[in-house]
Amino acid sequence: MTTRPRLYDGSKLGGLLAVGLFGFLTAVFLTSGFGTADGFADGSVTRSIGYAMFNLDAGAVASEGFLVAFIAIAVVLDAALDGAVMLAKRDEEGES
């Protein structure tokens, strides 16, 4: 015969650690000093993202270059597309 489920009455260390971690992350967030958010100088979000991606001087918006990451993602996506086309052609011809 089965009995009803009972709550675990063991160690409460996991719960205390979770509360402590929450308190620590709250303190870090509240004392981080992010400052105020800067807007985009010309009002165009898309243009500013493009300038930031290719490390072009956008004037008021400081940016880092992401050109290498952009090219790496392009190569990986191209390889995935080539693989999908190859599998589709192979499936179309009846190969297994």
PDB file of N, CA and C in Angstrom:
ATOM      1  N   MET A   1       0.840  -1.161   0.000  1.00  0.00           N
ATOM      2  CA  MET A   1       0.000   0.000   0.000  1.00  0.00           C
ATOM      3  C   MET A   1       0.899   1.242   0.000  1.00  0.00           C
ATOM      4  N   THR A   2       0.566   2.194  -0.815  1.00  0.00           N
ATOM      5  CA  THR A   2       1.368   3.411  -0.889  1.00  0.00           C
ATOM      6  C   THR A   2       0.874   4.424   0.126  1.00  0.00           C
ATOM      7  N   THR A   3       1.786   5.262   0.536  1.00  0.00           N
ATOM      8  CA  THR A   3       1.435   6.316   1.471  1.00  0.00           C
ATOM      9  C   THR A   3       1.475   7.651   0.745  1.00  0.00           C
ATOM     10  N   ARG A   4       0.953   8.637   1.364  1.00  0.00           N
ATOM     11  CA  ARG A   4       0.935   9.951   0.737  1.00  0.00           C
ATOM     12  C   ARG A   4       2.347  10.533   0.716  1.00  0.00           C
ATOM     13  N   PRO A   5       2.627  11.426  -0.231  1.00  0.00           N
ATOM     14  CA  PRO A   5       3.951  12.037  -0.295  1.00  0.00           C
ATOM     15  C   PRO A   5       4.192  12.950   0.891  1.00  0.00           C
ATOM     16  N   ARG A   6       5.442  13.027   1.307  1.00  0.00           N
ATOM     17  CA  ARG A   6       5.800  13.873   2.434  1.00  0.00           C
ATOM     18  C   ARG A   6       6.903  14.824   2.013  1.00  0.00           C
ATOM     19  N   LEU A   7       6.938  15.976   2.632  1.00  0.00           N
ATOM     20  CA  LEU A   7       7.975  16.951   2.355  1.00  0.00           C
ATOM     21  C   LEU A   7       9.306  16.472   2.906  1.00  0.00           C
ATOM     22  N   TYR A   8      10.360  16.860   2.202  1.00  0.00           N
ATOM     23  CA  TYR A   8      11.707  16.502   2.640  1.00  0.00           C
ATOM     24  C   TYR A   8      12.101  17.373   3.825  1.00  0.00           C
ATOM     25  N   ASP A   9      12.465  16.747   4.939  1.00  0.00           N
ATOM     26  CA  ASP A   9      12.818  17.482   6.147  1.00  0.00           C
ATOM     27  C   ASP A   9      14.328  17.490   6.383  1.00  0.00           C
ATOM     28  N   GLY A  10      15.105  17.319   5.345  1.00  0.00           N
ATOM     29  CA  GLY A  10      16.560  17.230   5.493  1.00  0.00           C
ATOM     30  C   GLY A  10      17.204  18.599   5.557  1.00  0.00           C
ATOM     31  N   SER A  11      18.363  18.696   5.007  1.00  0.00           N
ATOM     32  CA  SER A  11      19.175  19.914   5.075  1.00  0.00           C
ATOM     33  C   SER A  11      18.525  21.054   4.298  1.00  0.00           C
ATOM     34  N   LYS A  12      18.619  22.243   4.865  1.00  0.00           N
ATOM     35  CA  LYS A  12      18.090  23.432   4.217  1.00  0.00           C
ATOM     36  C   LYS A  12      19.221  24.274   3.621  1.00  0.00           C
ATOM     37  N   LEU A  13      20.384  23.652   3.440  1.00  0.00           N
ATOM     38  CA  LEU A  13      21.557  24.353   2.941  1.00  0.00           C
ATOM     39  C   LEU A  13      21.346  24.862   1.512  1.00  0.00           C
ATOM     40  N   GLY A  14      20.695  24.076   0.672  1.00  0.00           N
ATOM     41  CA  GLY A  14      20.445  24.501  -0.712  1.00  0.00           C
ATOM     42  C   GLY A  14      19.590  25.753  -0.783  1.00  0.00           C
ATOM     43  N   GLY A  15      18.554  25.816   0.030  1.00  0.00           N
ATOM     44  CA  GLY A  15      17.697  26.992   0.056  1.00  0.00           C
ATOM     45  C   GLY A  15      18.414  28.217   0.578  1.00  0.00           C
ATOM     46  N   LEU A  16      19.232  28.026   1.600  1.00  0.00           N
ATOM     47  CA  LEU A  16      20.001  29.147   2.145  1.00  0.00           C
ATOM     48  C   LEU A  16      21.021  29.660   1.137  1.00  0.00           C
ATOM     49  N   LEU A  17      21.646  28.747   0.407  1.00  0.00           N
ATOM     50  CA  LEU A  17      22.588  29.165  -0.632  1.00  0.00           C
ATOM     51  C   LEU A  17      21.886  29.936  -1.745  1.00  0.00           C
ATOM     52  N   ALA A  18      20.699  29.508  -2.117  1.00  0.00           N
ATOM     53  CA  ALA A  18      19.949  30.205  -3.162  1.00  0.00           C
ATOM     54  C   ALA A  18      19.563  31.606  -2.707  1.00  0.00           C
ATOM     55  N   VAL A  19      19.119  31.752  -1.474  1.00  0.00           N
ATOM     56  CA  VAL A  19      18.765  33.070  -0.948  1.00  0.00           C
ATOM     57  C   VAL A  19      20.006  33.952  -0.848  1.00  0.00           C
ATOM     58  N   GLY A  20      21.120  33.372  -0.415  1.00  0.00           N
ATOM     59  CA  GLY A  20      22.365  34.119  -0.335  1.00  0.00           C
ATOM     60  C   GLY A  20      22.850  34.577  -1.708  1.00  0.00           C
ATOM     61  N   LEU A  21      22.750  33.697  -2.709  1.00  0.00           N
ATOM     62  CA  LEU A  21      23.136  34.068  -4.068  1.00  0.00           C
ATOM     63  C   LEU A  21      22.238  35.163  -4.616  1.00  0.00           C
ATOM     64  N   PHE A  22      20.942  35.080  -4.341  1.00  0.00           N
ATOM     65  CA  PHE A  22      20.021  36.121  -4.771  1.00  0.00           C
ATOM     66  C   PHE A  22      20.378  37.462  -4.135  1.00  0.00           C
ATOM     67  N   GLY A  23      20.676  37.450  -2.857  1.00  0.00           N
ATOM     68  CA  GLY A  23      21.065  38.685  -2.171  1.00  0.00           C
ATOM     69  C   GLY A  23      22.361  39.251  -2.732  1.00  0.00           C
ATOM     70  N   PHE A  24      23.329  38.381  -3.006  1.00  0.00           N
ATOM     71  CA  PHE A  24      24.604  38.826  -3.565  1.00  0.00           C
ATOM     72  C   PHE A  24      24.409  39.450  -4.950  1.00  0.00           C
ATOM     73  N   LEU A  25      23.663  38.794  -5.819  1.00  0.00           N
ATOM     74  CA  LEU A  25      23.441  39.330  -7.161  1.00  0.00           C
ATOM     75  C   LEU A  25      22.630  40.624  -7.120  1.00  0.00           C
ATOM     76  N   THR A  26      21.710  40.740  -6.186  1.00  0.00           N
ATOM     77  CA  THR A  26      20.962  41.984  -6.016  1.00  0.00           C
ATOM     78  C   THR A  26      21.892  43.117  -5.611  1.00  0.00           C
ATOM     79  N   ALA A  27      22.798  42.839  -4.669  1.00  0.00           N
ATOM     80  CA  ALA A  27      23.750  43.865  -4.241  1.00  0.00           C
ATOM     81  C   ALA A  27      24.677  44.268  -5.383  1.00  0.00           C
ATOM     82  N   VAL A  28      25.132  43.308  -6.165  1.00  0.00           N
ATOM     83  CA  VAL A  28      26.007  43.619  -7.304  1.00  0.00           C
ATOM     84  C   VAL A  28      25.268  44.483  -8.319  1.00  0.00           C
ATOM     85  N   PHE A  29      24.024  44.142  -8.603  1.00  0.00           N
ATOM     86  CA  PHE A  29      23.252  44.901  -9.579  1.00  0.00           C
ATOM     87  C   PHE A  29      22.986  46.327  -9.103  1.00  0.00           C
ATOM     88  N   LEU A  30      22.635  46.472  -7.837  1.00  0.00           N
ATOM     89  CA  LEU A  30      22.282  47.796  -7.327  1.00  0.00           C
ATOM     90  C   LEU A  30      23.493  48.704  -7.152  1.00  0.00           C
ATOM     91  N   THR A  31      24.677  48.139  -6.970  1.00  0.00           N
ATOM     92  CA  THR A  31      25.875  48.958  -6.778  1.00  0.00           C
ATOM     93  C   THR A  31      26.775  48.993  -8.006  1.00  0.00           C
ATOM     94  N   SER A  32      26.288  48.535  -9.140  1.00  0.00           N
ATOM     95  CA  SER A  32      27.145  48.451 -10.323  1.00  0.00           C
ATOM     96  C   SER A  32      27.419  49.805 -10.946  1.00  0.00           C
ATOM     97  N   GLY A  33      26.547  50.773 -10.802  1.00  0.00           N
ATOM     98  CA  GLY A  33      26.780  52.109 -11.336  1.00  0.00           C
ATOM     99  C   GLY A  33      26.781  52.142 -12.854  1.00  0.00           C
ATOM    100  N   PHE A  34      25.712  51.685 -13.452  1.00  0.00           N
ATOM    101  CA  PHE A  34      25.619  51.672 -14.910  1.00  0.00           C
ATOM    102  C   PHE A  34      25.603  53.079 -15.497  1.00  0.00           C
ATOM    103  N   GLY A  35      25.108  54.027 -14.765  1.00  0.00           N
ATOM    104  CA  GLY A  35      24.985  55.378 -15.307  1.00  0.00           C
ATOM    105  C   GLY A  35      23.719  55.499 -16.133  1.00  0.00           C
ATOM    106  N   THR A  36      23.649  56.542 -16.912  1.00  0.00           N
ATOM    107  CA  THR A  36      22.462  56.749 -17.739  1.00  0.00           C
ATOM    108  C   THR A  36      22.675  56.146 -19.116  1.00  0.00           C
ATOM    109  N   ALA A  37      21.596  55.802 -19.747  1.00  0.00           N
ATOM    110  CA  ALA A  37      21.670  55.232 -21.083  1.00  0.00           C
ATOM    111  C   ALA A  37      21.865  56.351 -22.106  1.00  0.00           C
ATOM    112  N   ASP A  38      22.792  56.141 -23.026  1.00  0.00           N
ATOM    113  CA  ASP A  38      23.027  57.112 -24.093  1.00  0.00           C
ATOM    114  C   ASP A  38      22.181  56.739 -25.292  1.00  0.00           C
ATOM    115  N   GLY A  39      21.586  57.730 -25.883  1.00  0.00           N
ATOM    116  CA  GLY A  39      20.800  57.489 -27.077  1.00  0.00           C
ATOM    117  C   GLY A  39      21.676  57.488 -28.317  1.00  0.00           C
ATOM    118  N   PHE A  40      21.080  57.225 -29.440  1.00  0.00           N
ATOM    119  CA  PHE A  40      21.801  57.251 -30.702  1.00  0.00           C
ATOM    120  C   PHE A  40      21.808  58.681 -31.214  1.00  0.00           C
ATOM    121  N   ALA A  41      22.956  59.090 -31.720  1.00  0.00           N
ATOM    122  CA  ALA A  41      23.145  60.492 -32.094  1.00  0.00           C
ATOM    123  C   ALA A  41      22.206  60.921 -33.225  1.00  0.00           C
ATOM    124  N   ASP A  42      22.121  60.084 -34.255  1.00  0.00           N
ATOM    125  CA  ASP A  42      21.299  60.475 -35.395  1.00  0.00           C
ATOM    126  C   ASP A  42      19.895  59.874 -35.345  1.00  0.00           C
ATOM    127  N   GLY A  43      19.609  59.090 -34.327  1.00  0.00           N
ATOM    128  CA  GLY A  43      18.280  58.527 -34.171  1.00  0.00           C
ATOM    129  C   GLY A  43      18.057  57.224 -34.908  1.00  0.00           C
ATOM    130  N   SER A  44      19.020  56.781 -35.708  1.00  0.00           N
ATOM    131  CA  SER A  44      18.855  55.560 -36.480  1.00  0.00           C
ATOM    132  C   SER A  44      19.540  54.404 -35.767  1.00  0.00           C
ATOM    133  N   VAL A  45      18.762  53.493 -35.237  1.00  0.00           N
ATOM    134  CA  VAL A  45      19.308  52.344 -34.536  1.00  0.00           C
ATOM    135  C   VAL A  45      20.007  51.410 -35.527  1.00  0.00           C
ATOM    136  N   THR A  46      19.398  51.177 -36.676  1.00  0.00           N
ATOM    137  CA  THR A  46      19.965  50.268 -37.660  1.00  0.00           C
ATOM    138  C   THR A  46      21.309  50.762 -38.163  1.00  0.00           C
ATOM    139  N   ARG A  47      21.420  52.029 -38.453  1.00  0.00           N
ATOM    140  CA  ARG A  47      22.676  52.592 -38.924  1.00  0.00           C
ATOM    141  C   ARG A  47      23.754  52.477 -37.851  1.00  0.00           C
ATOM    142  N   SER A  48      23.395  52.747 -36.616  1.00  0.00           N
ATOM    143  CA  SER A  48      24.363  52.658 -35.528  1.00  0.00           C
ATOM    144  C   SER A  48      24.834  51.220 -35.310  1.00  0.00           C
ATOM    145  N   ILE A  49      23.944  50.244 -35.431  1.00  0.00           N
ATOM    146  CA  ILE A  49      24.335  48.841 -35.306  1.00  0.00           C
ATOM    147  C   ILE A  49      25.285  48.458 -36.437  1.00  0.00           C
ATOM    148  N   GLY A  50      25.009  48.925 -37.641  1.00  0.00           N
ATOM    149  CA  GLY A  50      25.904  48.654 -38.767  1.00  0.00           C
ATOM    150  C   GLY A  50      27.279  49.257 -38.560  1.00  0.00           C
ATOM    151  N   TYR A  51      27.346  50.496 -38.083  1.00  0.00           N
ATOM    152  CA  TYR A  51      28.634  51.118 -37.799  1.00  0.00           C
ATOM    153  C   TYR A  51      29.384  50.334 -36.724  1.00  0.00           C
ATOM    154  N   ALA A  52      28.678  49.898 -35.701  1.00  0.00           N
ATOM    155  CA  ALA A  52      29.318  49.156 -34.624  1.00  0.00           C
ATOM    156  C   ALA A  52      29.816  47.799 -35.104  1.00  0.00           C
ATOM    157  N   MET A  53      29.058  47.140 -35.972  1.00  0.00           N
ATOM    158  CA  MET A  53      29.440  45.816 -36.433  1.00  0.00           C
ATOM    159  C   MET A  53      30.723  45.844 -37.254  1.00  0.00           C
ATOM    160  N   PHE A  54      30.862  46.849 -38.091  1.00  0.00           N
ATOM    161  CA  PHE A  54      32.023  46.902 -38.982  1.00  0.00           C
ATOM    162  C   PHE A  54      33.107  47.838 -38.474  1.00  0.00           C
ATOM    163  N   ASN A  55      33.016  48.286 -37.211  1.00  0.00           N
ATOM    164  CA  ASN A  55      34.023  49.121 -36.558  1.00  0.00           C
ATOM    165  C   ASN A  55      34.289  50.406 -37.329  1.00  0.00           C
ATOM    166  N   LEU A  56      33.237  51.017 -37.819  1.00  0.00           N
ATOM    167  CA  LEU A  56      33.356  52.308 -38.479  1.00  0.00           C
ATOM    168  C   LEU A  56      33.109  53.404 -37.455  1.00  0.00           C
ATOM    169  N   ASP A  57      33.675  54.552 -37.683  1.00  0.00           N
ATOM    170  CA  ASP A  57      33.511  55.651 -36.744  1.00  0.00           C
ATOM    171  C   ASP A  57      32.109  56.237 -36.897  1.00  0.00           C
ATOM    172  N   ALA A  58      31.293  56.018 -35.882  1.00  0.00           N
ATOM    173  CA  ALA A  58      29.918  56.501 -35.931  1.00  0.00           C
ATOM    174  C   ALA A  58      29.771  57.845 -35.247  1.00  0.00           C
ATOM    175  N   GLY A  59      30.855  58.375 -34.744  1.00  0.00           N
ATOM    176  CA  GLY A  59      30.773  59.671 -34.085  1.00  0.00           C
ATOM    177  C   GLY A  59      30.467  59.541 -32.621  1.00  0.00           C
ATOM    178  N   ALA A  60      29.224  59.690 -32.234  1.00  0.00           N
ATOM    179  CA  ALA A  60      28.850  59.762 -30.827  1.00  0.00           C
ATOM    180  C   ALA A  60      28.775  58.394 -30.156  1.00  0.00           C
ATOM    181  N   VAL A  61      28.585  57.316 -30.923  1.00  0.00           N
ATOM    182  CA  VAL A  61      28.415  55.997 -30.335  1.00  0.00           C
ATOM    183  C   VAL A  61      29.740  55.258 -30.368  1.00  0.00           C
ATOM    184  N   ALA A  62      30.298  54.966 -29.197  1.00  0.00           N
ATOM    185  CA  ALA A  62      31.535  54.193 -29.128  1.00  0.00           C
ATOM    186  C   ALA A  62      31.219  52.737 -29.444  1.00  0.00           C
ATOM    187  N   SER A  63      32.097  52.089 -30.215  1.00  0.00           N
ATOM    188  CA  SER A  63      31.793  50.720 -30.627  1.00  0.00           C
ATOM    189  C   SER A  63      33.055  49.890 -30.705  1.00  0.00           C
ATOM    190  N   GLU A  64      32.856  48.591 -30.752  1.00  0.00           N
ATOM    191  CA  GLU A  64      33.918  47.636 -30.988  1.00  0.00           C
ATOM    192  C   GLU A  64      33.650  46.981 -32.326  1.00  0.00           C
ATOM    193  N   GLY A  65      34.696  46.447 -32.928  1.00  0.00           N
ATOM    194  CA  GLY A  65      34.530  45.787 -34.215  1.00  0.00           C
ATOM    195  C   GLY A  65      34.075  44.355 -34.078  1.00  0.00           C
ATOM    196  N   PHE A  66      33.096  43.984 -34.837  1.00  0.00           N
ATOM    197  CA  PHE A  66      32.600  42.611 -34.848  1.00  0.00           C
ATOM    198  C   PHE A  66      32.717  42.010 -36.234  1.00  0.00           C
ATOM    199  N   LEU A  67      33.649  42.506 -37.042  1.00  0.00           N
ATOM    200  CA  LEU A  67      33.769  42.044 -38.418  1.00  0.00           C
ATOM    201  C   LEU A  67      34.190  40.582 -38.477  1.00  0.00           C
ATOM    202  N   VAL A  68      35.124  40.171 -37.633  1.00  0.00           N
ATOM    203  CA  VAL A  68      35.579  38.777 -37.647  1.00  0.00           C
ATOM    204  C   VAL A  68      34.432  37.848 -37.258  1.00  0.00           C
ATOM    205  N   ALA A  69      33.665  38.218 -36.249  1.00  0.00           N
ATOM    206  CA  ALA A  69      32.519  37.396 -35.852  1.00  0.00           C
ATOM    207  C   ALA A  69      31.479  37.352 -36.965  1.00  0.00           C
ATOM    208  N   PHE A  70      31.274  38.465 -37.642  1.00  0.00           N
ATOM    209  CA  PHE A  70      30.316  38.510 -38.745  1.00  0.00           C
ATOM    210  C   PHE A  70      30.737  37.567 -39.869  1.00  0.00           C
ATOM    211  N   ILE A  71      32.020  37.579 -40.224  1.00  0.00           N
ATOM    212  CA  ILE A  71      32.511  36.709 -41.301  1.00  0.00           C
ATOM    213  C   ILE A  71      32.452  35.250 -40.872  1.00  0.00           C
ATOM    214  N   ALA A  72      32.792  34.949 -39.626  1.00  0.00           N
ATOM    215  CA  ALA A  72      32.730  33.567 -39.144  1.00  0.00           C
ATOM    216  C   ALA A  72      31.298  33.042 -39.179  1.00  0.00           C
ATOM    217  N   ILE A  73      30.346  33.856 -38.769  1.00  0.00           N
ATOM    218  CA  ILE A  73      28.941  33.442 -38.814  1.00  0.00           C
ATOM    219  C   ILE A  73      28.495  33.243 -40.254  1.00  0.00           C
ATOM    220  N   ALA A  74      28.946  34.111 -41.163  1.00  0.00           N
ATOM    221  CA  ALA A  74      28.580  33.975 -42.575  1.00  0.00           C
ATOM    222  C   ALA A  74      29.111  32.677 -43.154  1.00  0.00           C
ATOM    223  N   VAL A  75      30.343  32.300 -42.810  1.00  0.00           N
ATOM    224  CA  VAL A  75      30.930  31.059 -43.321  1.00  0.00           C
ATOM    225  C   VAL A  75      30.175  29.851 -42.780  1.00  0.00           C
ATOM    226  N   VAL A  76      29.849  29.865 -41.485  1.00  0.00           N
ATOM    227  CA  VAL A  76      29.124  28.739 -40.894  1.00  0.00           C
ATOM    228  C   VAL A  76      27.724  28.617 -41.489  1.00  0.00           C
ATOM    229  N   LEU A  77      27.037  29.728 -41.682  1.00  0.00           N
ATOM    230  CA  LEU A  77      25.699  29.670 -42.280  1.00  0.00           C
ATOM    231  C   LEU A  77      25.756  29.218 -43.732  1.00  0.00           C
ATOM    232  N   ASP A  78      26.800  29.610 -44.464  1.00  0.00           N
ATOM    233  CA  ASP A  78      26.959  29.157 -45.846  1.00  0.00           C
ATOM    234  C   ASP A  78      27.203  27.653 -45.895  1.00  0.00           C
ATOM    235  N   ALA A  79      28.028  27.138 -44.986  1.00  0.00           N
ATOM    236  CA  ALA A  79      28.268  25.695 -44.928  1.00  0.00           C
ATOM    237  C   ALA A  79      26.984  24.943 -44.582  1.00  0.00           C
ATOM    238  N   ALA A  80      26.176  25.486 -43.682  1.00  0.00           N
ATOM    239  CA  ALA A  80      24.909  24.841 -43.327  1.00  0.00           C
ATOM    240  C   ALA A  80      23.956  24.832 -44.512  1.00  0.00           C
ATOM    241  N   LEU A  81      23.926  25.928 -45.262  1.00  0.00           N
ATOM    242  CA  LEU A  81      23.067  25.983 -46.447  1.00  0.00           C
ATOM    243  C   LEU A  81      23.527  24.997 -47.506  1.00  0.00           C
ATOM    244  N   ASP A  82      24.840  24.905 -47.723  1.00  0.00           N
ATOM    245  CA  ASP A  82      25.366  23.941 -48.695  1.00  0.00           C
ATOM    246  C   ASP A  82      25.037  22.512 -48.282  1.00  0.00           C
ATOM    247  N   GLY A  83      25.157  22.219 -46.985  1.00  0.00           N
ATOM    248  CA  GLY A  83      24.817  20.882 -46.498  1.00  0.00           C
ATOM    249  C   GLY A  83      23.342  20.569 -46.676  1.00  0.00           C
ATOM    250  N   ALA A  84      22.482  21.552 -46.439  1.00  0.00           N
ATOM    251  CA  ALA A  84      21.042  21.330 -46.610  1.00  0.00           C
ATOM    252  C   ALA A  84      20.694  21.085 -48.069  1.00  0.00           C
ATOM    253  N   VAL A  85      21.329  21.828 -48.978  1.00  0.00           N
ATOM    254  CA  VAL A  85      21.075  21.623 -50.410  1.00  0.00           C
ATOM    255  C   VAL A  85      21.568  20.251 -50.836  1.00  0.00           C
ATOM    256  N   MET A  86      22.750  19.828 -50.352  1.00  0.00           N
ATOM    257  CA  MET A  86      23.283  18.515 -50.700  1.00  0.00           C
ATOM    258  C   MET A  86      22.355  17.407 -50.205  1.00  0.00           C
ATOM    259  N   LEU A  87      21.856  17.520 -48.973  1.00  0.00           N
ATOM    260  CA  LEU A  87      20.945  16.501 -48.456  1.00  0.00           C
ATOM    261  C   LEU A  87      19.620  16.490 -49.212  1.00  0.00           C
ATOM    262  N   ALA A  88      19.137  17.657 -49.612  1.00  0.00           N
ATOM    263  CA  ALA A  88      17.875  17.715 -50.360  1.00  0.00           C
ATOM    264  C   ALA A  88      18.035  17.078 -51.737  1.00  0.00           C
ATOM    265  N   LYS A  89      19.155  17.328 -52.401  1.00  0.00           N
ATOM    266  CA  LYS A  89      19.383  16.713 -53.717  1.00  0.00           C
ATOM    267  C   LYS A  89      19.530  15.211 -53.590  1.00  0.00           C
ATOM    268  N   ARG A  90      20.223  14.758 -52.549  1.00  0.00           N
ATOM    269  CA  ARG A  90      20.411  13.327 -52.353  1.00  0.00           C
ATOM    270  C   ARG A  90      19.083  12.651 -52.056  1.00  0.00           C
ATOM    271  N   ASP A  91      18.225  13.291 -51.296  1.00  0.00           N
ATOM    272  CA  ASP A  91      16.920  12.730 -50.983  1.00  0.00           C
ATOM    273  C   ASP A  91      16.025  12.722 -52.222  1.00  0.00           C
ATOM    274  N   GLU A  92      16.162  13.726 -53.061  1.00  0.00           N
ATOM    275  CA  GLU A  92      15.359  13.833 -54.273  1.00  0.00           C
ATOM    276  C   GLU A  92      15.706  12.742 -55.277  1.00  0.00           C
ATOM    277  N   GLU A  93      16.987  12.355 -55.320  1.00  0.00           N
ATOM    278  CA  GLU A  93      17.433  11.335 -56.264  1.00  0.00           C
ATOM    279  C   GLU A  93      17.161   9.932 -55.747  1.00  0.00           C
ATOM    280  N   GLY A  94      16.750   9.800 -54.510  1.00  0.00           N
ATOM    281  CA  GLY A  94      16.404   8.491 -53.960  1.00  0.00           C
ATOM    282  C   GLY A  94      17.551   7.789 -53.303  1.00  0.00           C
ATOM    283  N   GLU A  95      18.676   8.451 -53.091  1.00  0.00           N
ATOM    284  CA  GLU A  95      19.787   7.832 -52.402  1.00  0.00           C
ATOM    285  C   GLU A  95      19.496   7.802 -50.912  1.00  0.00           C
ATOM    286  N   SER A  96      20.138   6.870 -50.214  1.00  0.00           N
ATOM    287  CA  SER A  96      19.922   6.808 -48.780  1.00  0.00           C
ATOM    288  C   SER A  96      21.160   7.170 -48.023  1.00  0.00           C
TER     289      SER A  96
END
